[in-house]
C-alpha atoms as a PDB file:
ATOM      1  CA  MET A   1     101.178  81.981 137.273  1.00  0.00           C
ATOM      2  CA  ALA A   2     104.066  84.464 136.593  1.00  0.00           C
ATOM      3  CA  GLU A   3     106.145  83.912 133.451  1.00  0.00           C
ATOM      4  CA  PRO A   4     109.725  82.570 134.792  1.00  0.00           C
ATOM      5  CA  ILE A   5     112.313  85.331 135.059  1.00  0.00           C
ATOM      6  CA  LEU A   6     114.819  83.386 132.609  1.00  0.00           C
ATOM      7  CA  LYS A   7     112.118  83.395 129.887  1.00  0.00           C
ATOM      8  CA  ARG A   8     111.448  87.119 130.648  1.00  0.00           C
ATOM      9  CA  ILE A   9     115.137  87.834 130.278  1.00  0.00           C
ATOM     10  CA  ALA A  10     115.173  85.541 126.995  1.00  0.00           C
ATOM     11  CA  ALA A  11     112.443  88.029 125.592  1.00  0.00           C
ATOM     12  CA  GLY A  12     114.453  91.104 126.480  1.00  0.00           C
ATOM     13  CA  ASP A  13     112.753  92.298 129.473  1.00  0.00           C
ATOM     14  CA  ARG A  14     115.445  94.619 131.128  1.00  0.00           C
ATOM     15  CA  ASN A  15     113.507  94.449 134.595  1.00  0.00           C
ATOM     16  CA  ALA A  16     114.086  90.603 134.515  1.00  0.00           C
ATOM     17  CA  VAL A  17     117.716  91.052 134.629  1.00  0.00           C
ATOM     18  CA  GLU A  18     117.441  92.933 138.209  1.00  0.00           C
ATOM     19  CA  ASP A  19     114.723  90.257 139.318  1.00  0.00           C
ATOM     20  CA  CYS A  20     117.400  87.586 138.266  1.00  0.00           C
ATOM     21  CA  LEU A  21     119.934  89.019 140.257  1.00  0.00           C
ATOM     22  CA  ASN A  22     117.534  89.701 143.290  1.00  0.00           C
ATOM     23  CA  ALA A  23     116.341  86.179 143.548  1.00  0.00           C
ATOM     24  CA  TYR A  24     119.302  84.163 142.781  1.00  0.00           C
ATOM     25  CA  GLY A  25     122.406  86.426 143.258  1.00  0.00           C
ATOM     26  CA  GLY A  26     122.693  85.014 146.776  1.00  0.00           C
ATOM     27  CA  LEU A  27     122.549  81.163 145.627  1.00  0.00           C
ATOM     28  CA  ALA A  28     125.326  81.954 142.956  1.00  0.00           C
ATOM     29  CA  TYR A  29     127.467  83.605 145.522  1.00  0.00           C
ATOM     30  CA  SER A  30     126.948  81.081 148.087  1.00  0.00           C
ATOM     31  CA  ILE A  31     128.145  78.294 145.612  1.00  0.00           C
ATOM     32  CA  ALA A  32     131.099  80.227 144.553  1.00  0.00           C
ATOM     33  CA  ARG A  33     132.020  81.498 148.182  1.00  0.00           C
ATOM     34  CA  ARG A  34     131.802  77.847 149.321  1.00  0.00           C
ATOM     35  CA  LEU A  35     133.983  76.370 146.610  1.00  0.00           C
ATOM     36  CA  LEU A  36     136.512  79.250 146.061  1.00  0.00           C
ATOM     37  CA  ALA A  37     138.660  80.533 149.063  1.00  0.00           C
ATOM     38  CA  ASN A  38     139.368  83.906 147.417  1.00  0.00           C
ATOM     39  CA  GLU A  39     136.464  86.339 147.716  1.00  0.00           C
ATOM     40  CA  ALA A  40     137.459  88.224 144.665  1.00  0.00           C
ATOM     41  CA  ASP A  41     137.433  84.761 142.529  1.00  0.00           C
ATOM     42  CA  ALA A  42     134.004  84.002 143.846  1.00  0.00           C
ATOM     43  CA  GLU A  43     132.711  87.441 142.789  1.00  0.00           C
ATOM     44  CA  ASP A  44     134.471  87.013 139.435  1.00  0.00           C
ATOM     45  CA  ALA A  45     132.928  83.508 138.959  1.00  0.00           C
ATOM     46  CA  VAL A  46     129.229  84.769 139.846  1.00  0.00           C
ATOM     47  CA  GLN A  47     129.682  87.752 137.005  1.00  0.00           C
ATOM     48  CA  GLU A  48     130.678  85.123 134.605  1.00  0.00           C
ATOM     49  CA  ALA A  49     127.825  82.981 135.589  1.00  0.00           C
ATOM     50  CA  PHE A  50     125.504  85.505 135.090  1.00  0.00           C
ATOM     51  CA  ILE A  51     126.720  86.789 131.714  1.00  0.00           C
ATOM     52  CA  ASP A  52     126.344  83.150 130.781  1.00  0.00           C
ATOM     53  CA  VAL A  53     122.891  82.984 132.595  1.00  0.00           C
ATOM     54  CA  TRP A  54     121.698  86.024 130.359  1.00  0.00           C
ATOM     55  CA  LYS A  55     123.356  84.577 127.216  1.00  0.00           C
ATOM     56  CA  ASN A  56     121.710  81.244 127.790  1.00  0.00           C
ATOM     57  CA  ALA A  57     118.373  82.151 129.135  1.00  0.00           C
ATOM     58  CA  GLY A  58     116.543  81.160 126.063  1.00  0.00           C
ATOM     59  CA  ARG A  59     117.686  77.614 126.498  1.00  0.00           C
ATOM     60  CA  PHE A  60     115.951  77.582 129.909  1.00  0.00           C
ATOM     61  CA  ASP A  61     113.125  74.921 129.955  1.00  0.00           C
ATOM     62  CA  PRO A  62     111.101  74.855 133.350  1.00  0.00           C
ATOM     63  CA  ALA A  63     109.928  71.150 132.192  1.00  0.00           C
ATOM     64  CA  VAL A  64     113.428  70.069 132.839  1.00  0.00           C
ATOM     65  CA  ALA A  65     114.841  71.902 135.829  1.00  0.00           C
ATOM     66  CA  SER A  66     113.890  74.938 137.846  1.00  0.00           C
ATOM     67  CA  GLU A  67     115.264  78.322 137.702  1.00  0.00           C
ATOM     68  CA  ALA A  68     117.648  77.883 140.791  1.00  0.00           C
ATOM     69  CA  THR A  69     118.896  74.545 139.432  1.00  0.00           C
ATOM     70  CA  PHE A  70     119.478  75.937 135.953  1.00  0.00           C
ATOM     71  CA  ILE A  71     121.771  79.006 137.505  1.00  0.00           C
ATOM     72  CA  ALA A  72     123.222  76.830 140.206  1.00  0.00           C
ATOM     73  CA  MET A  73     124.478  74.432 137.424  1.00  0.00           C
ATOM     74  CA  ILE A  74     125.935  77.192 135.440  1.00  0.00           C
ATOM     75  CA  THR A  75     127.478  78.947 138.371  1.00  0.00           C
ATOM     76  CA  ARG A  76     128.906  75.636 139.545  1.00  0.00           C
ATOM     77  CA  ARG A  77     130.417  75.172 135.845  1.00  0.00           C
ATOM     78  CA  ARG A  78     132.018  78.656 135.967  1.00  0.00           C
ATOM     79  CA  VAL A  79     133.568  78.040 139.327  1.00  0.00           C
ATOM     80  CA  ILE A  80     134.972  74.886 137.941  1.00  0.00           C
ATOM     81  CA  ASP A  81     136.559  76.591 134.960  1.00  0.00           C
ATOM     82  CA  LYS A  82     138.034  79.263 137.538  1.00  0.00           C
ATOM     83  CA  ILE A  83     139.423  76.374 139.801  1.00  0.00           C
ATOM     84  CA  ARG A  84     140.834  74.438 136.708  1.00  0.00           C
ATOM     85  CA  ARG A  85     142.384  77.820 135.379  1.00  0.00           C
ATOM     86  CA  SER A  86     144.388  78.249 138.797  1.00  0.00           C
ATOM     87  CA  GLY A  87     144.912  74.291 139.304  1.00  0.00           C
ATOM     88  CA  ARG A  88     143.238  74.298 142.589  1.00  0.00           C
ATOM     89  CA  ARG A  89     140.868  71.294 143.440  1.00  0.00           C
ATOM     90  CA  ILE A  90     137.136  72.051 144.771  1.00  0.00           C
ATOM     91  CA  SER A  91     135.346  70.847 147.697  1.00  0.00           C
ATOM     92  CA  THR A  92     133.150  67.533 147.412  1.00  0.00           C
ATOM     93  CA  ASP A  93     130.739  68.465 149.800  1.00  0.00           C
ATOM     94  CA  PRO A  94     127.387  67.451 148.680  1.00  0.00           C
ATOM     95  CA  ILE A  95     125.259  69.459 146.438  1.00  0.00           C
ATOM     96  CA  GLU A  96     122.555  69.738 148.956  1.00  0.00           C
ATOM     97  CA  GLU A  97     124.832  71.244 151.721  1.00  0.00           C
ATOM     98  CA  MET A  98     126.047  73.720 148.957  1.00  0.00           C
ATOM     99  CA  LEU A  99     122.214  74.885 148.117  1.00  0.00           C
ATOM    100  CA  SER A 100     121.200  74.917 151.860  1.00  0.00           C
ATOM    101  CA  GLU A 101     124.214  76.928 153.353  1.00  0.00           C
ATOM    102  CA  PRO A 102     124.468  80.547 152.997  1.00  0.00           C
ATOM    103  CA  GLY A 103     127.265  82.520 151.777  1.00  0.00           C
ATOM    104  CA  ASP A 104     129.803  84.748 153.958  1.00  0.00           C
ATOM    105  CA  GLN A 105     128.538  87.958 152.972  1.00  0.00           C
ATOM    106  CA  GLY A 106     125.177  88.516 155.100  1.00  0.00           C
ATOM    107  CA  TYR A 107     123.300  86.880 152.160  1.00  0.00           C
ATOM    108  CA  LYS A 108     120.030  85.501 153.202  1.00  0.00           C
ATOM    109  CA  PHE A 109     119.709  81.933 154.335  1.00  0.00           C
ATOM    110  CA  ILE A 110     118.987  79.868 151.204  1.00  0.00           C
ATOM    111  CA  GLN A 111     116.596  77.251 151.740  1.00  0.00           C
ATOM    112  CA  MET A 112     116.563  74.024 149.751  1.00  0.00           C
ATOM    113  CA  GLY A 113     113.513  73.750 147.567  1.00  0.00           C
ATOM    114  CA  ALA A 114     111.245  70.888 147.220  1.00  0.00           C
ATOM    115  CA  GLU A 115     113.046  69.884 144.069  1.00  0.00           C
ATOM    116  CA  ALA A 116     116.566  69.978 145.805  1.00  0.00           C
ATOM    117  CA  ARG A 117     115.110  67.820 148.578  1.00  0.00           C
ATOM    118  CA  GLU A 118     113.584  65.330 146.067  1.00  0.00           C
ATOM    119  CA  ALA A 119     116.818  64.912 144.272  1.00  0.00           C
ATOM    120  CA  ALA A 120     118.800  64.402 147.565  1.00  0.00           C
ATOM    121  CA  GLU A 121     116.427  61.562 148.500  1.00  0.00           C
ATOM    122  CA  ALA A 122     116.577  60.211 145.321  1.00  0.00           C
ATOM    123  CA  MET A 123     120.377  60.269 145.452  1.00  0.00           C
ATOM    124  CA  LYS A 124     120.198  58.025 148.638  1.00  0.00           C
ATOM    125  CA  THR A 125     118.299  55.267 146.749  1.00  0.00           C
ATOM    126  CA  LEU A 126     121.440  54.797 144.412  1.00  0.00           C
ATOM    127  CA  ARG A 127     123.952  52.005 144.971  1.00  0.00           C
ATOM    128  CA  PRO A 128     126.897  53.543 147.033  1.00  0.00           C
ATOM    129  CA  GLU A 129     129.667  53.542 144.098  1.00  0.00           C
ATOM    130  CA  GLN A 130     126.792  55.129 141.806  1.00  0.00           C
ATOM    131  CA  GLN A 131     126.348  57.914 144.473  1.00  0.00           C
ATOM    132  CA  LYS A 132     130.176  58.204 145.004  1.00  0.00           C
ATOM    133  CA  VAL A 133     130.817  58.616 141.030  1.00  0.00           C
ATOM    134  CA  LEU A 134     127.802  61.180 140.765  1.00  0.00           C
ATOM    135  CA  ARG A 135     128.873  63.338 143.672  1.00  0.00           C
ATOM    136  CA  LEU A 136     132.757  63.255 142.466  1.00  0.00           C
ATOM    137  CA  SER A 137     131.465  64.188 139.059  1.00  0.00           C
ATOM    138  CA  ILE A 138     128.752  66.636 139.620  1.00  0.00           C
ATOM    139  CA  VAL A 139     129.657  68.335 143.135  1.00  0.00           C
ATOM    140  CA  GLY A 140     133.414  67.666 142.860  1.00  0.00           C
ATOM    141  CA  GLY A 141     133.804  68.692 139.354  1.00  0.00           C
ATOM    142  CA  MET A 142     135.807  65.763 138.198  1.00  0.00           C
ATOM    143  CA  SER A 143     135.976  64.128 134.943  1.00  0.00           C
ATOM    144  CA  HIS A 144     135.431  60.617 134.425  1.00  0.00           C
ATOM    145  CA  GLN A 145     139.327  59.754 134.049  1.00  0.00           C
ATOM    146  CA  GLU A 146     140.085  61.801 137.346  1.00  0.00           C
ATOM    147  CA  ILE A 147     137.441  59.722 139.145  1.00  0.00           C
ATOM    148  CA  ALA A 148     138.971  56.791 137.867  1.00  0.00           C
ATOM    149  CA  ASP A 149     142.401  57.736 138.863  1.00  0.00           C
ATOM    150  CA  SER A 150     141.341  58.912 142.045  1.00  0.00           C
ATOM    151  CA  THR A 151     139.453  55.929 143.182  1.00  0.00           C
ATOM    152  CA  GLY A 152     141.176  53.019 141.307  1.00  0.00           C
ATOM    153  CA  ILE A 153     137.650  52.072 139.463  1.00  0.00           C
ATOM    154  CA  PRO A 154     138.291  51.461 135.785  1.00  0.00           C
ATOM    155  CA  ILE A 155     137.172  54.189 133.416  1.00  0.00           C
ATOM    156  CA  GLY A 156     134.666  51.982 131.814  1.00  0.00           C
ATOM    157  CA  THR A 157     132.963  51.357 135.106  1.00  0.00           C
ATOM    158  CA  VAL A 158     133.149  54.974 136.259  1.00  0.00           C
ATOM    159  CA  LYS A 159     131.205  55.758 133.090  1.00  0.00           C
ATOM    160  CA  THR A 160     128.680  52.787 133.643  1.00  0.00           C
ATOM    161  CA  HIS A 161     128.080  53.856 137.310  1.00  0.00           C
ATOM    162  CA  ALA A 162     127.538  57.550 136.126  1.00  0.00           C
ATOM    163  CA  ARG A 163     125.121  56.629 133.413  1.00  0.00           C
ATOM    164  CA  ARG A 164     123.164  54.022 135.405  1.00  0.00           C
ATOM    165  CA  GLY A 165     123.058  56.323 138.377  1.00  0.00           C
ATOM    166  CA  LEU A 166     121.728  59.554 136.292  1.00  0.00           C
ATOM    167  CA  LEU A 167     119.117  57.143 134.705  1.00  0.00           C
ATOM    168  CA  ARG A 168     118.069  55.824 138.105  1.00  0.00           C
ATOM    169  CA  LEU A 169     117.822  59.384 139.510  1.00  0.00           C
ATOM    170  CA  ARG A 170     115.700  60.579 136.323  1.00  0.00           C
ATOM    171  CA  GLU A 171     113.422  57.513 136.923  1.00  0.00           C
ATOM    172  CA  ALA A 172     112.935  58.443 140.829  1.00  0.00           C
ATOM    173  CA  LEU A 173     112.384  62.114 140.094  1.00  0.00           C
ATOM    174  CA  GLY A 174     109.661  60.743 137.458  1.00  0.00           C
ATOM    175  CA  LEU A 175     111.916  62.073 134.612  1.00  0.00           C
ATOM    176  CA  GLY A 176     112.278  58.644 133.143  1.00  0.00           C
ATOM    177  CA  GLY A 177     111.370  59.230 129.385  1.00  0.00           C
ATOM    178  CA  MET A 178     113.938  61.667 129.009  1.00  0.00           C
ATOM    179  CA  THR A 179     117.274  59.680 128.618  1.00  0.00           C
ATOM    180  CA  ASP A 180     119.280  62.282 126.625  1.00  0.00           C
ATOM    181  CA  PHE A 181     120.686  64.216 129.564  1.00  0.00           C
ATOM    182  CA  GLU A 182     124.283  63.040 130.596  1.00  0.00           C
ATOM    183  CA  PRO A 183     126.864  65.779 131.990  1.00  0.00           C
ATOM    184  CA  HIS A 184     129.300  66.952 129.256  1.00  0.00           C
ATOM    185  CA  GLU A 185     132.506  65.287 130.064  1.00  0.00           C
ATOM    186  CA  ALA A 186     134.346  68.914 129.878  1.00  0.00           C
ATOM    187  CA  ALA A 187     131.697  70.214 132.345  1.00  0.00           C
ATOM    188  CA  ILE A 188     132.119  67.662 135.175  1.00  0.00           C
END
């Protein structure tokens, strides 16, 4: 089995950078373009995301997430940062739709991987309020306070739904023993 691209980047393999762009550039652009109305903003966000990918490649752990998920989450964070700086709101479309739809610039169609389909199916097993809070948090980029304000759900209940939903997802995905993952408040 070939070594993951991100591990090669972390080891200083210059060819891995080009491999990473070729393999995941379409995914990153698709996510950015879907959430940002301006093409230039999307390109800037993707550039910022790949700088973060290269800086953080050593933190990638294939036992925790796939490379596509790692890169998608970094891209999403950079897009949210760009939106917050400009004061705009982002789309709250489900992440499975974001991962499966192509960008506008003729990029190849990006199919959901087995892990993304599994995660989407696992999401359906959650209680509706947990699904809503996690979608607003993960896909919508809203903080716990923003979710509480927009839904009228008390902040403590929002945090409880988020925590229990994440734990349930981890359990459904066979990651039940790892309970230290929780989205960082500033990143969501």
